[in-house]
Amino acid sequence: AHANIELSKGAEKYNHRLDVFCDFANLLCSPIRIGIEQILMKPNSEVRVFFHPLPRQKDQASHRASLASICAGQIHQFWKAYDSFFNSQAKLVNVENLDPLIHELSFSKPDQAQYENCMKSGEGQKLLDTELELAKENGFTEAPALLLDGAKIKSIDAALEKLNQGR
């Protein structure tokens, strides 16, 4: 499965791949965020985490946050947006709250222009559609959903457990 490398972090050379399909507005995705950090902090972690925005259907704020995160990725700021959105989850109930959050990320002028172009031109939507397609191929309709090395897993704890056994 192809993935947007901007939306990934972890080992450059990795033996394990964790695909996380999540929605910034979804409270069930917060514990997963903590689990990802635990996995990546392990010494000699041979894991690369790929994040896939999976917004709730017909939820404007959720959709716009996903779009914004992908466009932030186009200027190498995805993880900055990711942290900001998860830290401000309570605000993501309302689409009007999103722009001030993005403003707080304070991109440089050229980055801001590129970000806005991504949001308005349909480029961001195309990238998001690719992510949604990937979710659909795996039978995921809602977040959170996880794949470890291509296999579905129930929880981030199950992922941690499996990775620990692999030692």
Protein backbone atom coordinates (compact mmCIF):
# COMPACT_ATOMS: atom_id res chain seq x y z
CA ALA A 1 0.00 0.00 0.00
CA HIS A 2 1.39 3.37 -0.94
CA ALA A 3 1.46 6.02 1.72
CA ASN A 4 2.16 9.70 2.05
CA ILE A 5 5.67 9.68 3.56
CA GLU A 6 5.06 13.16 5.05
CA LEU A 7 2.45 11.60 7.33
CA SER A 8 4.87 9.08 8.78
CA LYS A 9 7.56 9.03 11.41
CA GLY A 10 9.85 6.54 13.07
CA ALA A 11 12.74 4.41 11.89
CA GLU A 12 14.20 5.24 8.47
CA LYS A 13 14.88 1.55 7.90
CA TYR A 14 12.02 -0.30 9.46
CA ASN A 15 11.04 -3.94 9.97
CA HIS A 16 7.56 -3.10 11.14
CA ARG A 17 4.98 -0.80 9.72
CA LEU A 18 2.08 0.49 11.75
CA ASP A 19 -0.75 2.11 9.80
CA VAL A 20 -3.04 4.23 11.94
CA PHE A 21 -6.37 5.38 10.55
CA CYS A 22 -7.68 8.08 12.83
CA ASP A 23 -9.76 11.17 13.08
CA PHE A 24 -8.56 14.24 14.99
CA ALA A 25 -12.06 14.90 16.32
CA ASN A 26 -12.46 11.34 17.61
CA LEU A 27 -11.78 10.92 21.33
CA LEU A 28 -10.98 7.23 20.78
CA CYS A 29 -7.94 8.30 18.80
CA SER A 30 -6.25 10.07 21.74
CA PRO A 31 -5.04 6.90 23.49
CA ILE A 32 -3.68 5.70 20.15
CA ARG A 33 -1.59 8.84 19.92
CA ILE A 34 -0.02 7.97 23.29
CA GLY A 35 0.59 4.39 22.16
CA ILE A 36 2.34 5.60 19.00
CA GLU A 37 4.71 7.70 21.11
CA GLN A 38 5.44 4.69 23.36
CA ILE A 39 6.21 2.55 20.33
CA LEU A 40 8.48 5.15 18.76
CA MET A 41 10.33 5.86 22.02
CA LYS A 42 11.44 2.27 22.42
CA PRO A 43 15.19 1.91 22.01
CA ASN A 44 16.02 0.37 18.60
CA SER A 45 12.42 0.77 17.58
CA GLU A 46 12.32 -0.68 14.07
CA VAL A 47 8.86 0.70 13.48
CA ARG A 48 7.64 3.36 11.13
CA VAL A 49 4.17 4.76 11.81
CA PHE A 50 2.03 5.92 8.92
CA PHE A 51 -0.88 8.12 9.86
CA HIS A 52 -3.98 8.14 7.67
CA PRO A 53 -6.63 10.77 8.35
CA LEU A 54 -10.03 9.10 8.42
CA PRO A 55 -12.62 11.83 9.06
CA ARG A 56 -16.17 11.09 10.09
CA GLN A 57 -18.58 11.31 7.20
CA LYS A 58 -20.63 14.49 7.08
CA ASP A 59 -18.63 16.00 9.95
CA GLN A 60 -17.28 19.29 8.62
CA ALA A 61 -14.76 19.95 11.40
CA SER A 62 -13.41 16.41 11.24
CA HIS A 63 -13.09 16.61 7.45
CA ARG A 64 -11.46 20.03 7.50
CA ALA A 65 -8.96 18.97 10.18
CA SER A 66 -7.98 15.96 8.05
CA LEU A 67 -7.60 18.17 5.00
CA ALA A 68 -5.60 20.76 6.95
CA SER A 69 -3.25 18.11 8.34
CA ILE A 70 -2.56 16.75 4.86
CA CYS A 71 -1.90 20.22 3.47
CA ALA A 72 0.38 20.92 6.44
CA GLY A 73 2.19 17.74 5.39
CA GLN A 74 2.83 19.29 1.98
CA ILE A 75 4.99 21.91 3.76
CA HIS A 76 6.56 19.34 6.13
CA GLN A 77 4.42 20.48 9.08
CA PHE A 78 2.09 17.51 9.44
CA TRP A 79 3.22 16.44 12.92
CA LYS A 80 2.98 20.02 14.17
CA ALA A 81 -0.65 20.16 12.97
CA TYR A 82 -1.28 16.63 14.32
CA ASP A 83 -0.15 17.65 17.82
CA SER A 84 -2.10 20.89 17.71
CA PHE A 85 -5.34 19.22 16.60
CA PHE A 86 -5.10 16.40 19.14
CA ASN A 87 -4.24 18.87 21.91
CA SER A 88 -7.31 20.93 21.00
CA GLN A 89 -9.75 18.08 20.41
CA ALA A 90 -12.54 19.78 22.35
CA LYS A 91 -12.46 22.66 19.89
CA LEU A 92 -12.83 20.37 16.89
CA VAL A 93 -16.55 20.03 17.46
CA ASN A 94 -16.91 23.25 15.52
CA VAL A 95 -15.45 23.92 12.07
CA GLU A 96 -15.08 27.66 12.87
CA ASN A 97 -12.50 26.81 15.54
CA LEU A 98 -10.12 25.25 13.05
CA ASP A 99 -8.69 28.30 11.32
CA PRO A 100 -7.47 29.91 14.57
CA LEU A 101 -5.73 26.61 15.43
CA ILE A 102 -4.02 26.59 12.04
CA HIS A 103 -3.11 30.25 12.47
CA GLU A 104 -1.36 29.34 15.75
CA LEU A 105 0.92 26.95 13.87
CA SER A 106 2.35 30.12 12.27
CA PHE A 107 3.77 28.87 8.99
CA SER A 108 6.28 31.04 7.16
CA LYS A 109 4.81 33.25 4.41
CA PRO A 110 5.77 30.98 1.48
CA ASP A 111 4.59 27.93 3.45
CA GLN A 112 1.31 29.66 4.27
CA ALA A 113 0.75 30.41 0.58
CA GLN A 114 1.48 26.80 -0.37
CA TYR A 115 -0.77 25.55 2.43
CA GLU A 116 -3.67 27.75 1.34
CA ASN A 117 -3.21 26.70 -2.26
CA CYS A 118 -3.33 23.05 -1.20
CA MET A 119 -6.55 23.69 0.73
CA LYS A 120 -8.27 25.62 -2.08
CA SER A 121 -6.99 23.98 -5.25
CA GLY A 122 -8.37 20.52 -4.56
CA GLU A 123 -4.84 19.11 -4.18
CA GLY A 124 -5.47 18.41 -0.48
CA GLN A 125 -8.80 16.76 -1.24
CA LYS A 126 -7.11 14.52 -3.82
CA LEU A 127 -4.55 13.43 -1.24
CA LEU A 128 -7.30 12.86 1.32
CA ASP A 129 -9.27 10.80 -1.21
CA THR A 130 -6.20 8.58 -1.59
CA GLU A 131 -6.16 8.04 2.18
CA LEU A 132 -9.91 7.29 2.21
CA GLU A 133 -9.43 4.83 -0.65
CA LEU A 134 -6.75 3.02 1.37
CA ALA A 135 -9.11 2.84 4.36
CA LYS A 136 -11.86 1.44 2.13
CA GLU A 137 -9.52 -1.18 0.62
CA ASN A 138 -8.90 -2.41 4.16
CA GLY A 139 -12.60 -2.37 5.02
CA PHE A 140 -12.26 0.54 7.45
CA THR A 141 -15.20 2.92 7.53
CA GLU A 142 -14.52 4.62 10.84
CA ALA A 143 -11.65 5.47 13.10
CA PRO A 144 -9.75 4.25 14.92
CA ALA A 145 -8.43 1.39 12.83
CA LEU A 146 -4.96 -0.15 12.82
CA LEU A 147 -2.78 -2.32 10.65
CA LEU A 148 0.49 -3.82 11.82
CA ASP A 149 2.61 -5.11 8.96
CA GLY A 150 -0.54 -5.21 6.85
CA ALA A 151 -2.65 -7.21 9.31
CA LYS A 152 -5.61 -5.73 11.16
CA ILE A 153 -5.13 -5.39 14.90
CA LYS A 154 -7.68 -4.60 17.57
CA SER A 155 -5.87 -1.94 19.58
CA ILE A 156 -2.68 -0.01 20.05
CA ASP A 157 -1.99 -2.19 23.11
CA ALA A 158 -2.17 -5.27 20.88
CA ALA A 159 0.37 -3.58 18.59
CA LEU A 160 2.70 -2.86 21.51
CA GLU A 161 2.38 -6.45 22.66
CA LYS A 162 3.12 -7.90 19.23
CA LEU A 163 6.12 -5.64 18.77
CA ASN A 164 7.47 -6.64 22.19
CA GLN A 165 7.17 -10.32 21.31
CA GLY A 166 9.15 -9.66 18.18
CA ARG A 167 12.25 -8.90 20.27
